[in-house]
Amino acid sequence: VRSRPSVSAATARVGAGRARPRCPGCTLELPRGRRGESCVWCGFVFAAVARRPRTSAAKTARKTR
């Protein structure tokens, strides 16, 4: 039993701030930068699905401590 978290667990938490956008076809994370017309991993065409409206972070209910 380890008493302290491993280095890999600590580095995994660093990038957990915002979820990366994912391809609806293969569900892999899309790379940073400008998004093209299709997924770089599986070739899914993004125009095939309707775009979801973005919800504001201020509108979502947050838990109070």
N, C-alpha and C. Protein backbone atom coordinates (compact mmCIF):
# COMPACT_ATOMS: atom_id res chain seq x y z
N VAL A 1 0.85 -1.17 0.00
CA VAL A 1 0.00 0.00 0.00
C VAL A 1 0.90 1.24 0.00
N ARG A 2 0.61 2.15 -0.92
CA ARG A 2 1.40 3.38 -0.99
C ARG A 2 0.77 4.44 -0.11
N SER A 3 1.62 5.19 0.56
CA SER A 3 1.10 6.23 1.44
C SER A 3 0.96 7.57 0.71
N ARG A 4 1.73 7.76 -0.38
CA ARG A 4 1.66 8.99 -1.15
C ARG A 4 1.26 8.68 -2.59
N PRO A 5 0.59 9.62 -3.26
CA PRO A 5 0.23 9.36 -4.66
C PRO A 5 1.48 9.30 -5.54
N SER A 6 1.41 8.51 -6.57
CA SER A 6 2.55 8.37 -7.47
C SER A 6 2.71 9.63 -8.32
N VAL A 7 3.83 9.75 -8.99
CA VAL A 7 4.10 10.90 -9.84
C VAL A 7 3.11 10.96 -10.98
N SER A 8 2.77 9.83 -11.56
CA SER A 8 1.83 9.81 -12.69
C SER A 8 0.45 10.29 -12.27
N ALA A 9 0.03 9.98 -11.06
CA ALA A 9 -1.27 10.44 -10.57
C ALA A 9 -1.26 11.95 -10.37
N ALA A 10 -0.14 12.49 -9.94
CA ALA A 10 -0.04 13.93 -9.73
C ALA A 10 -0.06 14.66 -11.06
N THR A 11 0.59 14.14 -12.06
CA THR A 11 0.60 14.79 -13.37
C THR A 11 -0.75 14.65 -14.07
N ALA A 12 -1.51 13.62 -13.77
CA ALA A 12 -2.82 13.44 -14.38
C ALA A 12 -3.80 14.50 -13.88
N ARG A 13 -3.63 14.94 -12.65
CA ARG A 13 -4.53 15.95 -12.09
C ARG A 13 -4.26 17.35 -12.62
N VAL A 14 -3.09 17.61 -13.13
CA VAL A 14 -2.74 18.96 -13.57
C VAL A 14 -3.63 19.41 -14.72
N GLY A 15 -3.89 18.55 -15.70
CA GLY A 15 -4.68 18.93 -16.86
C GLY A 15 -6.16 18.69 -16.72
N ALA A 16 -6.66 18.51 -15.52
CA ALA A 16 -8.06 18.17 -15.32
C ALA A 16 -8.96 19.40 -15.23
N GLY A 17 -8.49 20.58 -15.58
CA GLY A 17 -9.29 21.80 -15.46
C GLY A 17 -10.49 21.84 -16.38
N ARG A 18 -10.25 21.69 -17.68
CA ARG A 18 -11.33 21.74 -18.65
C ARG A 18 -11.31 20.51 -19.53
N ALA A 19 -12.46 19.97 -19.81
CA ALA A 19 -12.54 18.80 -20.67
C ALA A 19 -12.25 19.19 -22.11
N ARG A 20 -11.45 18.40 -22.79
CA ARG A 20 -11.13 18.64 -24.19
C ARG A 20 -12.32 18.20 -25.05
N PRO A 21 -12.56 18.90 -26.17
CA PRO A 21 -13.64 18.46 -27.06
C PRO A 21 -13.33 17.09 -27.65
N ARG A 22 -14.35 16.29 -27.85
CA ARG A 22 -14.19 14.94 -28.36
C ARG A 22 -14.95 14.75 -29.67
N CYS A 23 -14.47 13.84 -30.48
CA CYS A 23 -15.12 13.49 -31.73
C CYS A 23 -16.36 12.66 -31.40
N PRO A 24 -17.52 12.97 -31.99
CA PRO A 24 -18.71 12.17 -31.73
C PRO A 24 -18.65 10.78 -32.39
N GLY A 25 -17.74 10.60 -33.33
CA GLY A 25 -17.63 9.32 -34.01
C GLY A 25 -16.79 8.31 -33.26
N CYS A 26 -15.58 8.72 -32.85
CA CYS A 26 -14.66 7.78 -32.19
C CYS A 26 -14.46 8.10 -30.71
N THR A 27 -14.96 9.22 -30.24
CA THR A 27 -14.87 9.72 -28.86
C THR A 27 -13.44 9.99 -28.39
N LEU A 28 -12.49 10.10 -29.31
CA LEU A 28 -11.13 10.48 -28.94
C LEU A 28 -11.05 12.00 -28.80
N GLU A 29 -10.14 12.47 -27.95
CA GLU A 29 -9.97 13.90 -27.77
C GLU A 29 -9.38 14.50 -29.04
N LEU A 30 -9.92 15.65 -29.44
CA LEU A 30 -9.42 16.33 -30.63
C LEU A 30 -8.19 17.14 -30.26
N PRO A 31 -7.20 17.21 -31.14
CA PRO A 31 -5.99 17.96 -30.82
C PRO A 31 -6.27 19.45 -30.76
N ARG A 32 -5.38 20.17 -30.08
CA ARG A 32 -5.52 21.62 -29.96
C ARG A 32 -5.34 22.28 -31.31
N GLY A 33 -5.82 23.51 -31.41
CA GLY A 33 -5.68 24.26 -32.64
C GLY A 33 -6.99 24.29 -33.41
N ARG A 34 -6.90 24.76 -34.61
CA ARG A 34 -8.09 24.91 -35.43
C ARG A 34 -8.63 23.55 -35.84
N ARG A 35 -9.93 23.41 -35.71
CA ARG A 35 -10.57 22.14 -36.04
C ARG A 35 -10.98 22.18 -37.51
N GLY A 36 -10.69 21.12 -38.23
CA GLY A 36 -11.06 21.02 -39.64
C GLY A 36 -12.49 20.55 -39.80
N GLU A 37 -12.80 20.06 -40.99
CA GLU A 37 -14.15 19.59 -41.29
C GLU A 37 -14.38 18.16 -40.85
N SER A 38 -13.31 17.43 -40.59
CA SER A 38 -13.44 16.04 -40.19
C SER A 38 -12.44 15.71 -39.09
N CYS A 39 -12.68 14.60 -38.40
CA CYS A 39 -11.82 14.16 -37.30
C CYS A 39 -10.47 13.70 -37.86
N VAL A 40 -9.40 14.08 -37.18
CA VAL A 40 -8.06 13.69 -37.63
C VAL A 40 -7.79 12.22 -37.33
N TRP A 41 -8.56 11.60 -36.43
CA TRP A 41 -8.33 10.21 -36.06
C TRP A 41 -9.15 9.25 -36.90
N CYS A 42 -10.46 9.48 -37.01
CA CYS A 42 -11.32 8.50 -37.68
C CYS A 42 -11.93 9.01 -38.98
N GLY A 43 -11.84 10.32 -39.26
CA GLY A 43 -12.39 10.87 -40.49
C GLY A 43 -13.86 11.25 -40.39
N PHE A 44 -14.45 11.21 -39.20
CA PHE A 44 -15.86 11.57 -39.02
C PHE A 44 -16.09 13.01 -39.47
N VAL A 45 -17.14 13.24 -40.27
CA VAL A 45 -17.45 14.58 -40.77
C VAL A 45 -18.33 15.27 -39.74
N PHE A 46 -17.85 16.39 -39.18
CA PHE A 46 -18.56 17.09 -38.11
C PHE A 46 -19.88 17.70 -38.57
N ALA A 47 -20.01 18.01 -39.86
CA ALA A 47 -21.25 18.59 -40.38
C ALA A 47 -22.39 17.58 -40.36
N ALA A 48 -22.10 16.30 -40.11
CA ALA A 48 -23.13 15.27 -40.10
C ALA A 48 -24.01 15.34 -38.86
N VAL A 49 -23.56 16.01 -37.83
CA VAL A 49 -24.36 16.14 -36.61
C VAL A 49 -24.65 17.61 -36.35
N ALA A 50 -25.79 17.88 -35.73
CA ALA A 50 -26.16 19.25 -35.40
C ALA A 50 -25.27 19.74 -34.26
N ARG A 51 -24.89 20.99 -34.31
CA ARG A 51 -24.06 21.56 -33.26
C ARG A 51 -24.89 21.85 -32.03
N ARG A 52 -24.38 21.45 -30.86
CA ARG A 52 -25.09 21.69 -29.61
C ARG A 52 -24.84 23.12 -29.15
N PRO A 53 -25.85 23.78 -28.61
CA PRO A 53 -25.63 25.13 -28.08
C PRO A 53 -24.75 25.07 -26.84
N ARG A 54 -23.83 26.03 -26.73
CA ARG A 54 -22.95 26.09 -25.56
C ARG A 54 -23.73 26.63 -24.37
N THR A 55 -23.51 26.01 -23.24
CA THR A 55 -24.14 26.50 -22.01
C THR A 55 -23.11 27.29 -21.23
N SER A 56 -23.54 28.37 -20.69
CA SER A 56 -22.65 29.22 -19.91
C SER A 56 -22.37 28.59 -18.56
N ALA A 57 -21.15 28.72 -18.09
CA ALA A 57 -20.78 28.19 -16.78
C ALA A 57 -21.56 28.90 -15.66
N ALA A 58 -21.95 30.15 -15.90
CA ALA A 58 -22.67 30.90 -14.89
C ALA A 58 -24.09 30.37 -14.71
N LYS A 59 -24.64 29.75 -15.75
CA LYS A 59 -26.01 29.26 -15.68
C LYS A 59 -26.12 27.93 -14.96
N THR A 60 -25.05 27.17 -14.88
CA THR A 60 -25.12 25.87 -14.23
C THR A 60 -25.07 26.02 -12.73
N ALA A 61 -25.81 25.17 -12.06
CA ALA A 61 -25.84 25.23 -10.59
C ALA A 61 -24.56 24.62 -10.05
N ARG A 62 -24.01 25.25 -9.05
CA ARG A 62 -22.80 24.76 -8.42
C ARG A 62 -23.10 24.35 -6.98
N LYS A 63 -22.38 23.34 -6.53
CA LYS A 63 -22.54 22.92 -5.15
C LYS A 63 -21.87 23.92 -4.22
N THR A 64 -22.49 24.14 -3.08
CA THR A 64 -21.88 25.01 -2.08
C THR A 64 -21.26 24.14 -1.01
N ARG A 65 -20.19 24.59 -0.45
CA ARG A 65 -19.48 23.80 0.56
C ARG A 65 -20.02 24.05 1.93
